C-alpha cells in the first residue's frame, strides 16, 4: 500500500489523520480509494472534469505528477504520495 500524506487543510476530512495507506495502481485510483474512505476529498483536489485543480500539486516520492503521467502516474507499494496545496499571499516588500 502506498502512503498518502494529507495536508493540514484536508485533515478535517480524514478525522485528523496526517498519513493514510491506500491501494491503487495509479495516483488517480489512490485518490478515488481515499474518497471512498473519506468522502469529499476528491472534490477538493479535482475539478469538474476530473483533472487535478491547478493550485494542487501531488508528488510521487520527489516527482510532481504533472511532470510524469498526471493522475495516470503508476504507484508502487512503497511510494510516498504527498498532496501539497499551493501557497499564496504574503507581502510585496
N, C-alpha and C. Protein backbone atom coordinates (compact mmCIF):
# COMPACT_ATOMS: atom_id res chain seq x y z
N UNK A 1 0.83 -1.19 0.00
CA UNK A 1 0.00 0.00 0.00
C UNK A 1 0.88 1.25 0.00
N UNK A 2 0.52 2.21 -0.81
CA UNK A 2 1.24 3.48 -0.85
C UNK A 2 0.79 4.33 0.34
N UNK A 3 1.68 5.20 0.78
CA UNK A 3 1.37 6.13 1.87
C UNK A 3 1.04 7.49 1.28
N UNK A 4 -0.11 8.03 1.66
CA UNK A 4 -0.54 9.34 1.20
C UNK A 4 -0.43 10.31 2.37
N UNK A 5 0.31 11.40 2.16
CA UNK A 5 0.47 12.43 3.18
C UNK A 5 -0.58 13.51 2.96
N UNK A 6 -1.40 13.73 3.97
CA UNK A 6 -2.54 14.63 3.89
C UNK A 6 -2.14 16.01 4.44
N UNK A 7 -2.36 17.08 3.67
CA UNK A 7 -2.02 18.42 4.18
C UNK A 7 -3.02 18.85 5.26
N UNK A 8 -2.58 19.75 6.11
CA UNK A 8 -3.39 20.22 7.23
C UNK A 8 -4.80 20.65 6.83
N UNK A 9 -4.99 21.42 5.73
CA UNK A 9 -6.36 21.86 5.41
C UNK A 9 -7.34 20.72 5.09
N UNK A 10 -6.83 19.54 4.71
CA UNK A 10 -7.72 18.42 4.38
C UNK A 10 -7.90 17.44 5.54
N UNK A 11 -7.17 17.63 6.60
CA UNK A 11 -7.23 16.67 7.70
C UNK A 11 -8.58 16.66 8.41
N UNK A 12 -9.35 17.73 8.27
CA UNK A 12 -10.69 17.71 8.88
C UNK A 12 -11.57 16.65 8.20
N UNK A 13 -11.24 16.31 6.95
CA UNK A 13 -11.99 15.27 6.22
C UNK A 13 -11.51 13.86 6.56
N UNK A 14 -10.29 13.76 7.12
CA UNK A 14 -9.72 12.45 7.44
C UNK A 14 -9.70 12.17 8.94
N UNK A 15 -10.48 12.92 9.68
CA UNK A 15 -10.50 12.73 11.13
C UNK A 15 -9.18 13.09 11.79
N UNK A 16 -8.44 14.01 11.17
CA UNK A 16 -7.19 14.47 11.73
C UNK A 16 -5.97 13.67 11.32
N UNK A 17 -6.17 12.61 10.54
CA UNK A 17 -5.04 11.78 10.14
C UNK A 17 -4.14 12.53 9.15
N UNK A 18 -2.83 12.44 9.38
CA UNK A 18 -1.87 13.12 8.51
C UNK A 18 -1.29 12.20 7.44
N UNK A 19 -1.39 10.90 7.64
CA UNK A 19 -0.97 9.97 6.58
C UNK A 19 -1.87 8.74 6.61
N UNK A 20 -2.13 8.27 5.40
CA UNK A 20 -3.07 7.17 5.20
C UNK A 20 -2.47 6.23 4.18
N UNK A 21 -2.64 4.94 4.37
CA UNK A 21 -2.19 3.99 3.36
C UNK A 21 -3.39 3.53 2.55
N UNK A 22 -3.21 3.45 1.25
CA UNK A 22 -4.28 3.06 0.33
C UNK A 22 -3.70 2.18 -0.77
N UNK A 23 -4.57 1.39 -1.38
CA UNK A 23 -4.22 0.59 -2.55
C UNK A 23 -4.66 1.31 -3.81
N UNK A 24 -3.88 1.16 -4.86
CA UNK A 24 -4.23 1.71 -6.16
C UNK A 24 -3.05 1.58 -7.10
N UNK A 25 -3.34 1.35 -8.37
CA UNK A 25 -2.28 1.20 -9.37
C UNK A 25 -1.78 2.54 -9.88
N UNK A 26 -2.61 3.59 -9.74
CA UNK A 26 -2.24 4.92 -10.22
C UNK A 26 -2.59 5.95 -9.14
N UNK A 27 -2.08 7.14 -9.31
CA UNK A 27 -2.42 8.22 -8.37
C UNK A 27 -3.93 8.46 -8.39
N UNK A 28 -4.54 8.46 -9.57
CA UNK A 28 -5.99 8.66 -9.67
C UNK A 28 -6.77 7.60 -8.91
N UNK A 29 -6.33 6.34 -9.01
CA UNK A 29 -7.01 5.27 -8.28
C UNK A 29 -6.84 5.45 -6.77
N UNK A 30 -5.67 5.90 -6.35
CA UNK A 30 -5.45 6.16 -4.92
C UNK A 30 -6.41 7.24 -4.42
N UNK A 31 -6.57 8.31 -5.21
CA UNK A 31 -7.47 9.39 -4.80
C UNK A 31 -8.91 8.91 -4.73
N UNK A 32 -9.32 8.07 -5.68
CA UNK A 32 -10.68 7.52 -5.64
C UNK A 32 -10.89 6.64 -4.42
N UNK A 33 -9.89 5.83 -4.12
CA UNK A 33 -9.96 4.97 -2.94
C UNK A 33 -10.01 5.81 -1.66
N UNK A 34 -9.20 6.86 -1.63
CA UNK A 34 -9.20 7.77 -0.48
C UNK A 34 -10.56 8.43 -0.33
N UNK A 35 -11.19 8.81 -1.45
CA UNK A 35 -12.50 9.46 -1.40
C UNK A 35 -13.60 8.51 -0.94
N UNK A 36 -13.47 7.22 -1.26
CA UNK A 36 -14.45 6.26 -0.77
C UNK A 36 -14.38 6.14 0.75
N UNK A 37 -13.16 6.23 1.29
CA UNK A 37 -12.98 6.13 2.73
C UNK A 37 -13.31 7.46 3.43
N UNK A 38 -12.98 8.56 2.76
CA UNK A 38 -13.18 9.90 3.32
C UNK A 38 -13.89 10.76 2.28
N UNK A 39 -15.21 10.65 2.16
CA UNK A 39 -15.94 11.38 1.13
C UNK A 39 -15.68 12.88 1.18
N UNK A 40 -15.51 13.46 0.00
CA UNK A 40 -15.31 14.89 -0.12
C UNK A 40 -13.88 15.28 -0.47
N UNK A 41 -12.95 14.35 -0.32
CA UNK A 41 -11.55 14.69 -0.61
C UNK A 41 -11.35 14.95 -2.10
N UNK A 42 -11.90 14.10 -2.95
CA UNK A 42 -11.70 14.28 -4.39
C UNK A 42 -12.20 15.64 -4.87
N UNK A 43 -13.33 16.08 -4.36
CA UNK A 43 -13.86 17.37 -4.82
C UNK A 43 -12.97 18.54 -4.42
N UNK A 44 -12.14 18.35 -3.39
CA UNK A 44 -11.17 19.39 -3.00
C UNK A 44 -9.94 19.38 -3.90
N UNK A 45 -9.69 18.23 -4.56
CA UNK A 45 -8.47 18.07 -5.35
C UNK A 45 -8.69 18.13 -6.86
N UNK A 46 -9.87 17.71 -7.31
CA UNK A 46 -10.15 17.60 -8.74
C UNK A 46 -11.20 18.61 -9.17
N UNK A 47 -11.09 19.08 -10.42
CA UNK A 47 -12.09 20.00 -10.96
C UNK A 47 -13.29 19.21 -11.50
N UNK A 48 -14.24 19.91 -12.10
CA UNK A 48 -15.48 19.28 -12.60
C UNK A 48 -15.22 18.27 -13.72
N UNK A 49 -14.09 18.40 -14.42
CA UNK A 49 -13.75 17.45 -15.49
C UNK A 49 -12.90 16.28 -14.99
N UNK A 50 -12.61 16.25 -13.69
CA UNK A 50 -11.82 15.16 -13.14
C UNK A 50 -10.32 15.37 -13.24
N UNK A 51 -9.91 16.60 -13.55
CA UNK A 51 -8.49 16.92 -13.62
C UNK A 51 -8.04 17.53 -12.30
N UNK A 52 -6.77 17.40 -12.02
CA UNK A 52 -6.20 17.99 -10.82
C UNK A 52 -6.35 19.50 -10.87
N UNK A 53 -6.87 20.09 -9.80
CA UNK A 53 -7.02 21.54 -9.75
C UNK A 53 -5.64 22.18 -9.87
N UNK A 54 -5.57 23.34 -10.51
CA UNK A 54 -4.28 23.95 -10.82
C UNK A 54 -3.49 24.37 -9.60
N UNK A 55 -4.16 24.62 -8.47
CA UNK A 55 -3.45 25.04 -7.27
C UNK A 55 -3.11 23.88 -6.33
N UNK A 56 -3.32 22.66 -6.79
CA UNK A 56 -2.97 21.47 -6.03
C UNK A 56 -1.80 20.78 -6.72
N UNK A 57 -0.78 20.46 -5.98
CA UNK A 57 0.35 19.69 -6.50
C UNK A 57 0.38 18.36 -5.78
N UNK A 58 0.61 17.30 -6.54
CA UNK A 58 0.75 15.98 -5.94
C UNK A 58 2.10 15.41 -6.39
N UNK A 59 2.83 14.91 -5.42
CA UNK A 59 4.15 14.34 -5.68
C UNK A 59 4.12 12.84 -5.43
N UNK A 60 4.72 12.10 -6.34
CA UNK A 60 5.03 10.68 -6.10
C UNK A 60 6.50 10.66 -5.74
N UNK A 61 6.77 10.37 -4.51
CA UNK A 61 8.12 10.48 -3.97
C UNK A 61 8.59 11.92 -4.18
N UNK A 62 9.61 12.17 -5.00
CA UNK A 62 10.12 13.53 -5.20
C UNK A 62 9.66 14.18 -6.50
N UNK A 63 8.81 13.49 -7.27
CA UNK A 63 8.42 13.98 -8.59
C UNK A 63 6.97 14.45 -8.61
N UNK A 64 6.77 15.67 -9.10
CA UNK A 64 5.42 16.21 -9.26
C UNK A 64 4.73 15.44 -10.38
N UNK A 65 3.50 14.97 -10.15
CA UNK A 65 2.87 14.07 -11.12
C UNK A 65 2.58 14.72 -12.46
N UNK A 66 2.49 16.05 -12.53
CA UNK A 66 2.27 16.71 -13.82
C UNK A 66 3.47 16.51 -14.75
N UNK A 67 4.64 16.26 -14.18
CA UNK A 67 5.84 16.01 -15.00
C UNK A 67 5.95 14.53 -15.36
N UNK A 68 5.06 13.73 -14.81
CA UNK A 68 5.04 12.29 -15.09
C UNK A 68 3.82 12.01 -15.98
N UNK A 69 2.89 11.23 -15.52
CA UNK A 69 1.70 10.90 -16.31
C UNK A 69 0.43 11.45 -15.67
N UNK A 70 0.56 12.51 -14.86
CA UNK A 70 -0.62 13.08 -14.22
C UNK A 70 -1.29 12.07 -13.30
N UNK A 71 -2.60 12.06 -13.30
CA UNK A 71 -3.35 11.13 -12.45
C UNK A 71 -3.14 9.68 -12.85
N UNK A 72 -2.63 9.45 -14.07
CA UNK A 72 -2.33 8.09 -14.53
C UNK A 72 -0.93 7.62 -14.12
N UNK A 73 -0.24 8.41 -13.32
CA UNK A 73 1.10 8.05 -12.85
C UNK A 73 1.02 6.75 -12.06
N UNK A 74 1.81 5.75 -12.45
CA UNK A 74 1.78 4.48 -11.71
C UNK A 74 2.30 4.64 -10.28
N UNK A 75 1.76 3.81 -9.41
CA UNK A 75 2.13 3.84 -7.99
C UNK A 75 2.57 2.44 -7.57
N UNK A 76 3.71 2.40 -6.89
CA UNK A 76 4.19 1.14 -6.31
C UNK A 76 3.84 1.11 -4.83
N UNK A 77 3.93 -0.07 -4.27
CA UNK A 77 3.55 -0.29 -2.88
C UNK A 77 4.34 0.59 -1.90
N UNK A 78 5.59 0.87 -2.20
CA UNK A 78 6.43 1.62 -1.26
C UNK A 78 6.50 3.11 -1.58
N UNK A 79 5.67 3.60 -2.52
CA UNK A 79 5.69 5.01 -2.89
C UNK A 79 5.08 5.88 -1.80
N UNK A 80 5.56 7.11 -1.76
CA UNK A 80 5.03 8.13 -0.86
C UNK A 80 4.35 9.18 -1.74
N UNK A 81 3.09 9.44 -1.48
CA UNK A 81 2.30 10.40 -2.25
C UNK A 81 2.01 11.60 -1.35
N UNK A 82 2.47 12.77 -1.77
CA UNK A 82 2.27 13.98 -0.99
C UNK A 82 1.33 14.92 -1.72
N UNK A 83 0.28 15.35 -1.03
CA UNK A 83 -0.66 16.34 -1.57
C UNK A 83 -0.23 17.69 -1.00
N UNK A 84 0.06 18.64 -1.91
CA UNK A 84 0.59 19.93 -1.48
C UNK A 84 -0.24 21.05 -2.11
N UNK A 85 -1.08 21.72 -1.32
CA UNK A 85 -1.81 22.87 -1.85
C UNK A 85 -0.82 24.02 -2.09
N UNK A 86 -1.03 24.77 -3.16
CA UNK A 86 -0.17 25.92 -3.45
C UNK A 86 -0.33 26.97 -2.37
N UNK A 87 0.74 27.65 -2.09
CA UNK A 87 0.73 28.72 -1.09
C UNK A 87 0.62 30.04 -1.84
N UNK A 88 -0.12 30.97 -1.28
CA UNK A 88 -0.26 32.30 -1.88
C UNK A 88 -0.32 33.33 -0.77
N UNK A 89 -0.11 34.56 -1.17
CA UNK A 89 -0.22 35.64 -0.20
C UNK A 89 1.14 36.14 0.21
N UNK A 90 1.15 36.93 1.25
CA UNK A 90 2.40 37.48 1.74
C UNK A 90 2.53 38.94 1.39
N UNK A 91 3.67 39.46 1.55
CA UNK A 91 3.94 40.88 1.36
C UNK A 91 4.63 41.14 0.04
N UNK A 92 4.40 42.33 -0.54
CA UNK A 92 5.06 42.73 -1.77
C UNK A 92 6.45 43.29 -1.51
N UNK A 93 6.82 43.46 -0.27
CA UNK A 93 8.10 44.08 0.09
C UNK A 93 9.26 43.15 -0.11
